[in-house]
Amino acid sequence: MQSHADYGTIYRGWIAMEVDSGNVDAARFLFLEWRSQCGGKDGGFWCSYITFESRHGGALRARAVAEAAVAACPEDPAVHAKYAKTELRLDRKDSAFAALARALAVFAGDPVAQEWLVDEVRGYRDALRRQGFAGRLRACCRRFVRPSRARHGYERLH
């Protein structure tokens, strides 16, 4: 007899193989199967599913999965953080901070969880900002660097 943890290991591996082979629909079907096998109460499952839909399903699917995740695992701070970070990634700052505010209300009696949530979401927001700025800076600098020498990172055009 297998435990739910075994299901998770099997499904994670199987989903990864399907995604690697480009079969996104099969991977999505496997997420649904995993959910039915494990009862949908596994926060790690939901975080993986949100990430999958963010990469392969678009904003509407990612948001729908994130909302289902919070409904299925309301006591898991990682699920709440993933939801807020997904909204940030979709450039929906107001929705992200509303999701964070709801999470902070859920964990009102747990200051450690609240601090972790704030740090997690704020850190992700800051990383997205740095990534955006760094990407724009690299693109700007590439215009002034010879393409044949660009991989070395030196020698500007005159």
N, C-alpha and C. Protein backbone atom coordinates (compact mmCIF):
# COMPACT_ATOMS: atom_id res chain seq x y z
N MET A 1 0.85 -1.18 0.00
CA MET A 1 0.00 0.00 0.00
C MET A 1 0.89 1.24 0.00
N GLN A 2 0.56 2.19 -0.86
CA GLN A 2 1.38 3.39 -0.97
C GLN A 2 0.78 4.52 -0.15
N SER A 3 1.65 5.39 0.31
CA SER A 3 1.18 6.56 1.05
C SER A 3 0.99 7.72 0.09
N HIS A 4 0.38 8.79 0.58
CA HIS A 4 0.19 9.98 -0.25
C HIS A 4 1.53 10.57 -0.68
N ALA A 5 2.54 10.47 0.16
CA ALA A 5 3.86 10.99 -0.20
C ALA A 5 4.41 10.24 -1.42
N ASP A 6 4.15 8.93 -1.50
CA ASP A 6 4.58 8.16 -2.66
C ASP A 6 3.88 8.66 -3.93
N TYR A 7 2.59 8.95 -3.82
CA TYR A 7 1.87 9.49 -4.96
C TYR A 7 2.52 10.78 -5.44
N GLY A 8 2.86 11.63 -4.51
CA GLY A 8 3.49 12.90 -4.87
C GLY A 8 4.78 12.70 -5.63
N THR A 9 5.61 11.80 -5.16
CA THR A 9 6.89 11.53 -5.83
C THR A 9 6.66 10.99 -7.23
N ILE A 10 5.74 10.06 -7.35
CA ILE A 10 5.45 9.47 -8.66
C ILE A 10 4.89 10.52 -9.61
N TYR A 11 3.91 11.27 -9.14
CA TYR A 11 3.29 12.26 -10.02
C TYR A 11 4.25 13.38 -10.40
N ARG A 12 5.07 13.83 -9.46
CA ARG A 12 6.04 14.88 -9.80
C ARG A 12 6.97 14.42 -10.92
N GLY A 13 7.48 13.20 -10.82
CA GLY A 13 8.36 12.67 -11.85
C GLY A 13 7.66 12.51 -13.18
N TRP A 14 6.46 11.99 -13.15
CA TRP A 14 5.69 11.76 -14.36
C TRP A 14 5.35 13.09 -15.04
N ILE A 15 4.93 14.06 -14.26
CA ILE A 15 4.60 15.39 -14.79
C ILE A 15 5.84 16.01 -15.42
N ALA A 16 6.97 15.91 -14.76
CA ALA A 16 8.21 16.47 -15.31
C ALA A 16 8.56 15.84 -16.66
N MET A 17 8.37 14.53 -16.76
CA MET A 17 8.65 13.86 -18.04
C MET A 17 7.71 14.35 -19.13
N GLU A 18 6.45 14.52 -18.80
CA GLU A 18 5.49 15.01 -19.80
C GLU A 18 5.82 16.44 -20.23
N VAL A 19 6.15 17.29 -19.27
CA VAL A 19 6.49 18.67 -19.60
C VAL A 19 7.76 18.71 -20.46
N ASP A 20 8.77 17.92 -20.08
CA ASP A 20 10.02 17.87 -20.85
C ASP A 20 9.80 17.42 -22.29
N SER A 21 8.82 16.56 -22.50
CA SER A 21 8.53 16.09 -23.86
C SER A 21 7.55 17.01 -24.59
N GLY A 22 7.13 18.09 -23.93
CA GLY A 22 6.25 19.07 -24.56
C GLY A 22 4.77 18.73 -24.49
N ASN A 23 4.41 17.75 -23.71
CA ASN A 23 3.02 17.33 -23.62
C ASN A 23 2.34 17.99 -22.41
N VAL A 24 2.03 19.25 -22.58
CA VAL A 24 1.46 20.06 -21.50
C VAL A 24 0.08 19.56 -21.09
N ASP A 25 -0.73 19.16 -22.06
CA ASP A 25 -2.08 18.68 -21.73
C ASP A 25 -2.03 17.42 -20.88
N ALA A 26 -1.10 16.52 -21.18
CA ALA A 26 -0.97 15.30 -20.37
C ALA A 26 -0.50 15.66 -18.96
N ALA A 27 0.41 16.62 -18.86
CA ALA A 27 0.89 17.04 -17.54
C ALA A 27 -0.26 17.65 -16.74
N ARG A 28 -1.09 18.46 -17.40
CA ARG A 28 -2.23 19.06 -16.71
C ARG A 28 -3.20 17.96 -16.22
N PHE A 29 -3.44 16.97 -17.06
CA PHE A 29 -4.29 15.84 -16.66
C PHE A 29 -3.71 15.14 -15.44
N LEU A 30 -2.39 14.99 -15.41
CA LEU A 30 -1.75 14.32 -14.27
C LEU A 30 -1.89 15.14 -12.99
N PHE A 31 -1.84 16.46 -13.10
CA PHE A 31 -2.08 17.28 -11.90
C PHE A 31 -3.49 17.01 -11.36
N LEU A 32 -4.46 16.90 -12.25
CA LEU A 32 -5.83 16.62 -11.82
C LEU A 32 -5.95 15.23 -11.20
N GLU A 33 -5.25 14.27 -11.77
CA GLU A 33 -5.24 12.91 -11.21
C GLU A 33 -4.59 12.90 -9.82
N TRP A 34 -3.47 13.59 -9.71
CA TRP A 34 -2.75 13.68 -8.43
C TRP A 34 -3.67 14.28 -7.38
N ARG A 35 -4.37 15.34 -7.77
CA ARG A 35 -5.29 15.99 -6.84
C ARG A 35 -6.36 15.01 -6.37
N SER A 36 -6.91 14.23 -7.27
CA SER A 36 -7.96 13.28 -6.89
C SER A 36 -7.40 12.16 -6.01
N GLN A 37 -6.16 11.75 -6.23
CA GLN A 37 -5.55 10.69 -5.44
C GLN A 37 -5.20 11.15 -4.03
N CYS A 38 -4.76 12.39 -3.91
CA CYS A 38 -4.26 12.89 -2.61
C CYS A 38 -5.26 13.78 -1.89
N GLY A 39 -6.41 14.00 -2.46
CA GLY A 39 -7.42 14.79 -1.78
C GLY A 39 -7.21 16.29 -1.85
N GLY A 40 -6.20 16.75 -2.52
CA GLY A 40 -6.00 18.18 -2.71
C GLY A 40 -5.59 18.94 -1.47
N LYS A 41 -5.12 18.27 -0.44
CA LYS A 41 -4.73 18.96 0.79
C LYS A 41 -3.22 19.10 0.95
N ASP A 42 -2.49 18.88 -0.11
CA ASP A 42 -1.03 18.94 -0.10
C ASP A 42 -0.57 20.29 -0.65
N GLY A 43 -0.07 21.15 0.23
CA GLY A 43 0.37 22.48 -0.19
C GLY A 43 1.48 22.45 -1.23
N GLY A 44 2.39 21.49 -1.13
CA GLY A 44 3.45 21.36 -2.11
C GLY A 44 2.90 21.05 -3.49
N PHE A 45 1.89 20.19 -3.54
CA PHE A 45 1.21 19.91 -4.81
C PHE A 45 0.68 21.19 -5.41
N TRP A 46 -0.05 21.95 -4.60
CA TRP A 46 -0.67 23.17 -5.12
C TRP A 46 0.36 24.17 -5.59
N CYS A 47 1.45 24.32 -4.87
CA CYS A 47 2.50 25.26 -5.30
C CYS A 47 3.09 24.83 -6.64
N SER A 48 3.30 23.52 -6.81
CA SER A 48 3.80 23.01 -8.09
C SER A 48 2.80 23.25 -9.21
N TYR A 49 1.53 23.04 -8.92
CA TYR A 49 0.48 23.22 -9.92
C TYR A 49 0.38 24.69 -10.33
N ILE A 50 0.46 25.60 -9.37
CA ILE A 50 0.43 27.03 -9.68
C ILE A 50 1.61 27.40 -10.58
N THR A 51 2.80 26.92 -10.24
CA THR A 51 3.98 27.20 -11.06
C THR A 51 3.79 26.66 -12.47
N PHE A 52 3.29 25.43 -12.58
CA PHE A 52 3.04 24.83 -13.89
C PHE A 52 2.10 25.70 -14.72
N GLU A 53 0.99 26.09 -14.14
CA GLU A 53 0.02 26.90 -14.91
C GLU A 53 0.56 28.29 -15.21
N SER A 54 1.39 28.83 -14.33
CA SER A 54 2.01 30.13 -14.62
C SER A 54 2.90 30.04 -15.86
N ARG A 55 3.59 28.93 -16.01
CA ARG A 55 4.51 28.76 -17.14
C ARG A 55 3.81 28.29 -18.41
N HIS A 56 2.76 27.47 -18.27
CA HIS A 56 2.20 26.80 -19.43
C HIS A 56 0.73 27.11 -19.71
N GLY A 57 0.06 27.74 -18.76
CA GLY A 57 -1.38 27.93 -18.94
C GLY A 57 -1.85 29.36 -19.02
N GLY A 58 -1.00 30.29 -18.70
CA GLY A 58 -1.40 31.68 -18.76
C GLY A 58 -1.99 32.20 -17.45
N ALA A 59 -2.30 33.46 -17.48
CA ALA A 59 -2.72 34.18 -16.28
C ALA A 59 -4.03 33.65 -15.70
N LEU A 60 -5.02 33.42 -16.53
CA LEU A 60 -6.32 32.97 -16.01
C LEU A 60 -6.23 31.61 -15.34
N ARG A 61 -5.52 30.69 -15.96
CA ARG A 61 -5.36 29.35 -15.36
C ARG A 61 -4.56 29.43 -14.07
N ALA A 62 -3.47 30.19 -14.08
CA ALA A 62 -2.64 30.31 -12.88
C ALA A 62 -3.44 30.89 -11.73
N ARG A 63 -4.21 31.92 -12.01
CA ARG A 63 -5.01 32.56 -10.97
C ARG A 63 -6.09 31.61 -10.45
N ALA A 64 -6.74 30.87 -11.34
CA ALA A 64 -7.78 29.93 -10.92
C ALA A 64 -7.21 28.83 -10.03
N VAL A 65 -6.03 28.33 -10.39
CA VAL A 65 -5.40 27.29 -9.58
C VAL A 65 -4.98 27.87 -8.23
N ALA A 66 -4.45 29.09 -8.23
CA ALA A 66 -4.03 29.72 -6.98
C ALA A 66 -5.22 29.91 -6.04
N GLU A 67 -6.34 30.33 -6.58
CA GLU A 67 -7.54 30.50 -5.75
C GLU A 67 -8.03 29.16 -5.20
N ALA A 68 -7.99 28.13 -6.04
CA ALA A 68 -8.38 26.79 -5.57
C ALA A 68 -7.42 26.30 -4.50
N ALA A 69 -6.15 26.62 -4.66
CA ALA A 69 -5.13 26.19 -3.69
C ALA A 69 -5.39 26.80 -2.32
N VAL A 70 -5.68 28.09 -2.28
CA VAL A 70 -5.95 28.75 -1.01
C VAL A 70 -7.22 28.19 -0.37
N ALA A 71 -8.21 27.87 -1.19
CA ALA A 71 -9.44 27.27 -0.65
C ALA A 71 -9.18 25.86 -0.11
N ALA A 72 -8.30 25.11 -0.77
CA ALA A 72 -8.01 23.73 -0.34
C ALA A 72 -7.08 23.67 0.86
N CYS A 73 -6.16 24.62 0.95
CA CYS A 73 -5.13 24.61 2.01
C CYS A 73 -5.07 25.97 2.71
N PRO A 74 -6.14 26.38 3.37
CA PRO A 74 -6.16 27.71 3.96
C PRO A 74 -5.16 27.88 5.11
N GLU A 75 -4.68 26.80 5.67
CA GLU A 75 -3.76 26.88 6.80
C GLU A 75 -2.29 26.75 6.39
N ASP A 76 -2.01 26.77 5.11
CA ASP A 76 -0.63 26.62 4.62
C ASP A 76 -0.12 27.97 4.14
N PRO A 77 0.79 28.60 4.89
CA PRO A 77 1.28 29.92 4.49
C PRO A 77 2.00 29.91 3.14
N ALA A 78 2.64 28.80 2.77
CA ALA A 78 3.35 28.75 1.49
C ALA A 78 2.37 28.87 0.32
N VAL A 79 1.18 28.32 0.47
CA VAL A 79 0.17 28.41 -0.59
C VAL A 79 -0.29 29.86 -0.73
N HIS A 80 -0.52 30.53 0.39
CA HIS A 80 -0.91 31.94 0.35
C HIS A 80 0.19 32.79 -0.28
N ALA A 81 1.43 32.52 0.09
CA ALA A 81 2.55 33.27 -0.48
C ALA A 81 2.66 33.03 -1.98
N LYS A 82 2.46 31.80 -2.41
CA LYS A 82 2.54 31.48 -3.83
C LYS A 82 1.46 32.22 -4.62
N TYR A 83 0.28 32.31 -4.02
CA TYR A 83 -0.81 33.05 -4.66
C TYR A 83 -0.42 34.52 -4.83
N ALA A 84 0.05 35.13 -3.77
CA ALA A 84 0.44 36.54 -3.85
C ALA A 84 1.59 36.75 -4.84
N LYS A 85 2.56 35.85 -4.84
CA LYS A 85 3.69 35.97 -5.76
C LYS A 85 3.25 35.76 -7.21
N THR A 86 2.27 34.90 -7.42
CA THR A 86 1.74 34.71 -8.77
C THR A 86 1.10 35.99 -9.27
N GLU A 87 0.36 36.65 -8.41
CA GLU A 87 -0.25 37.93 -8.80
C GLU A 87 0.82 38.98 -9.10
N LEU A 88 1.89 38.99 -8.32
CA LEU A 88 2.99 39.92 -8.62
C LEU A 88 3.60 39.62 -9.98
N ARG A 89 3.83 38.34 -10.24
CA ARG A 89 4.42 37.92 -11.51
C ARG A 89 3.54 38.32 -12.69
N LEU A 90 2.22 38.32 -12.47
CA LEU A 90 1.28 38.72 -13.51
C LEU A 90 1.10 40.24 -13.56
N ASP A 91 1.91 40.95 -12.79
CA ASP A 91 1.90 42.41 -12.72
C ASP A 91 0.56 42.95 -12.21
N ARG A 92 0.00 42.25 -11.24
CA ARG A 92 -1.24 42.66 -10.59
C ARG A 92 -0.93 42.98 -9.12
N LYS A 93 -0.26 44.09 -8.92
CA LYS A 93 0.23 44.43 -7.58
C LYS A 93 -0.90 44.59 -6.56
N ASP A 94 -1.99 45.23 -6.96
CA ASP A 94 -3.11 45.41 -6.02
C ASP A 94 -3.68 44.07 -5.58
N SER A 95 -3.85 43.15 -6.53
CA SER A 95 -4.36 41.81 -6.19
C SER A 95 -3.37 41.05 -5.33
N ALA A 96 -2.09 41.23 -5.60
CA ALA A 96 -1.06 40.54 -4.81
C ALA A 96 -1.10 40.99 -3.36
N PHE A 97 -1.19 42.29 -3.15
CA PHE A 97 -1.19 42.77 -1.78
C PHE A 97 -2.53 42.52 -1.08
N ALA A 98 -3.61 42.41 -1.86
CA ALA A 98 -4.89 41.99 -1.27
C ALA A 98 -4.80 40.53 -0.82
N ALA A 99 -4.16 39.68 -1.64
CA ALA A 99 -3.97 38.28 -1.26
C ALA A 99 -3.09 38.18 -0.02
N LEU A 100 -2.06 39.01 0.05
CA LEU A 100 -1.20 39.02 1.23
C LEU A 100 -1.98 39.47 2.46
N ALA A 101 -2.81 40.50 2.31
CA ALA A 101 -3.61 40.98 3.45
C ALA A 101 -4.56 39.89 3.94
N ARG A 102 -5.18 39.15 3.02
CA ARG A 102 -6.06 38.05 3.44
C ARG A 102 -5.26 36.98 4.17
N ALA A 103 -4.06 36.69 3.68
CA ALA A 103 -3.21 35.68 4.33
C ALA A 103 -2.82 36.14 5.74
N LEU A 104 -2.47 37.40 5.87
CA LEU A 104 -2.09 37.92 7.19
C LEU A 104 -3.27 37.83 8.16
N ALA A 105 -4.48 38.02 7.66
CA ALA A 105 -5.67 37.88 8.51
C ALA A 105 -5.87 36.43 8.94
N VAL A 106 -5.61 35.50 8.03
CA VAL A 106 -5.75 34.08 8.35
C VAL A 106 -4.77 33.70 9.46
N PHE A 107 -3.58 34.25 9.43
CA PHE A 107 -2.53 33.92 10.39
C PHE A 107 -2.37 35.01 11.45
N ALA A 108 -3.46 35.65 11.78
CA ALA A 108 -3.42 36.74 12.77
C ALA A 108 -2.83 36.30 14.11
N GLY A 109 -3.03 35.06 14.48
CA GLY A 109 -2.51 34.57 15.76
C GLY A 109 -1.12 33.96 15.68
N ASP A 110 -0.49 34.06 14.53
CA ASP A 110 0.83 33.45 14.33
C ASP A 110 1.80 34.48 13.76
N PRO A 111 2.46 35.25 14.63
CA PRO A 111 3.35 36.31 14.15
C PRO A 111 4.54 35.78 13.34
N VAL A 112 4.98 34.57 13.61
CA VAL A 112 6.09 34.00 12.84
C VAL A 112 5.65 33.77 11.39
N ALA A 113 4.46 33.20 11.22
CA ALA A 113 3.93 32.98 9.87
C ALA A 113 3.70 34.30 9.16
N GLN A 114 3.18 35.28 9.88
CA GLN A 114 2.96 36.60 9.28
C GLN A 114 4.27 37.22 8.80
N GLU A 115 5.29 37.15 9.63
CA GLU A 115 6.59 37.72 9.25
C GLU A 115 7.15 36.99 8.03
N TRP A 116 7.03 35.66 8.03
CA TRP A 116 7.53 34.88 6.90
C TRP A 116 6.79 35.27 5.62
N LEU A 117 5.46 35.40 5.70
CA LEU A 117 4.67 35.78 4.53
C LEU A 117 5.11 37.13 3.97
N VAL A 118 5.24 38.10 4.84
CA VAL A 118 5.64 39.44 4.40
C VAL A 118 7.03 39.38 3.76
N ASP A 119 7.97 38.72 4.42
CA ASP A 119 9.33 38.61 3.88
C ASP A 119 9.34 37.90 2.53
N GLU A 120 8.57 36.84 2.42
CA GLU A 120 8.52 36.05 1.18
C GLU A 120 7.98 36.87 0.02
N VAL A 121 6.87 37.54 0.23
CA VAL A 121 6.24 38.31 -0.84
C VAL A 121 7.07 39.56 -1.16
N ARG A 122 7.56 40.23 -0.14
CA ARG A 122 8.37 41.42 -0.37
C ARG A 122 9.68 41.05 -1.09
N GLY A 123 10.30 39.97 -0.67
CA GLY A 123 11.52 39.52 -1.33
C GLY A 123 11.29 39.19 -2.79
N TYR A 124 10.18 38.55 -3.09
CA TYR A 124 9.86 38.22 -4.48
C TYR A 124 9.61 39.49 -5.29
N ARG A 125 8.86 40.42 -4.71
CA ARG A 125 8.62 41.69 -5.40
C ARG A 125 9.93 42.40 -5.70
N ASP A 126 10.83 42.43 -4.73
CA ASP A 126 12.12 43.09 -4.93
C ASP A 126 12.95 42.37 -5.99
N ALA A 127 12.89 41.04 -6.01
CA ALA A 127 13.63 40.28 -7.03
C ALA A 127 13.08 40.57 -8.42
N LEU A 128 11.77 40.68 -8.55
CA LEU A 128 11.19 41.02 -9.84
C LEU A 128 11.61 42.41 -10.29
N ARG A 129 11.68 43.33 -9.37
CA ARG A 129 12.13 44.69 -9.70
C ARG A 129 13.58 44.68 -10.18
N ARG A 130 14.44 43.98 -9.45
CA ARG A 130 15.85 43.92 -9.84
C ARG A 130 16.00 43.24 -11.19
N GLN A 131 15.27 42.17 -11.38
CA GLN A 131 15.33 41.43 -12.63
C GLN A 131 14.90 42.32 -13.80
N GLY A 132 13.85 43.07 -13.60
CA GLY A 132 13.37 43.97 -14.65
C GLY A 132 14.38 45.05 -14.97
N PHE A 133 14.95 45.66 -13.95
CA PHE A 133 15.93 46.71 -14.15
C PHE A 133 17.20 46.15 -14.78
N ALA A 134 17.66 45.01 -14.26
CA ALA A 134 18.90 44.41 -14.79
C ALA A 134 18.72 44.02 -16.25
N GLY A 135 17.56 43.49 -16.61
CA GLY A 135 17.30 43.12 -17.99
C GLY A 135 17.33 44.32 -18.92
N ARG A 136 16.73 45.42 -18.48
CA ARG A 136 16.75 46.64 -19.30
C ARG A 136 18.16 47.19 -19.42
N LEU A 137 18.92 47.13 -18.33
CA LEU A 137 20.30 47.62 -18.34
C LEU A 137 21.17 46.78 -19.29
N ARG A 138 21.02 45.46 -19.24
CA ARG A 138 21.80 44.59 -20.14
C ARG A 138 21.48 44.89 -21.60
N ALA A 139 20.20 45.07 -21.91
CA ALA A 139 19.79 45.36 -23.29
C ALA A 139 20.39 46.68 -23.76
N CYS A 140 20.40 47.65 -22.89
CA CYS A 140 20.98 48.95 -23.24
C CYS A 140 22.48 48.83 -23.49
N CYS A 141 23.16 48.11 -22.62
CA CYS A 141 24.62 47.96 -22.76
C CYS A 141 24.99 47.18 -24.01
N ARG A 142 24.17 46.22 -24.42
CA ARG A 142 24.47 45.42 -25.61
C ARG A 142 24.54 46.26 -26.86
N ARG A 143 23.82 47.35 -26.88
CA ARG A 143 23.85 48.22 -28.06
C ARG A 143 25.22 48.85 -28.25
N PHE A 144 26.00 48.95 -27.18
CA PHE A 144 27.29 49.60 -27.25
C PHE A 144 28.47 48.63 -27.26
N VAL A 145 28.17 47.34 -27.27
CA VAL A 145 29.22 46.33 -27.24
C VAL A 145 29.22 45.60 -28.57
N ARG A 146 30.41 45.38 -29.14
CA ARG A 146 30.50 44.64 -30.41
C ARG A 146 29.97 43.22 -30.21
N PRO A 147 29.14 42.75 -31.14
CA PRO A 147 28.58 41.40 -31.00
C PRO A 147 29.64 40.31 -30.90
N SER A 148 30.74 40.41 -31.65
CA SER A 148 31.75 39.35 -31.62
C SER A 148 32.48 39.30 -30.28
N ARG A 149 32.50 40.40 -29.57
CA ARG A 149 33.21 40.46 -28.31
C ARG A 149 32.26 40.50 -27.12
N ALA A 150 30.97 40.49 -27.37
CA ALA A 150 29.98 40.65 -26.30
C ALA A 150 30.09 39.56 -25.25
N ARG A 151 30.44 38.37 -25.66
CA ARG A 151 30.51 37.29 -24.67
C ARG A 151 31.61 37.52 -23.65
N HIS A 152 32.59 38.37 -23.99
CA HIS A 152 33.68 38.67 -23.05
C HIS A 152 33.35 39.86 -22.15
N GLY A 153 32.35 40.64 -22.56
CA GLY A 153 31.91 41.75 -21.71
C GLY A 153 32.81 42.97 -21.75
N TYR A 154 33.55 43.16 -22.84
CA TYR A 154 34.38 44.35 -22.92
C TYR A 154 34.46 44.85 -24.35
N GLU A 155 35.19 45.90 -24.55
CA GLU A 155 35.46 46.56 -25.83
C GLU A 155 34.22 47.24 -26.38
N ARG A 156 34.13 48.51 -26.10
CA ARG A 156 33.03 49.32 -26.57
C ARG A 156 33.30 49.80 -27.99
N LEU A 157 32.22 50.10 -28.71
CA LEU A 157 32.37 50.69 -30.03
C LEU A 157 32.82 52.13 -29.88
N HIS A 158 33.52 52.63 -30.87
CA HIS A 158 34.02 54.01 -30.81
C HIS A 158 33.00 54.98 -31.31
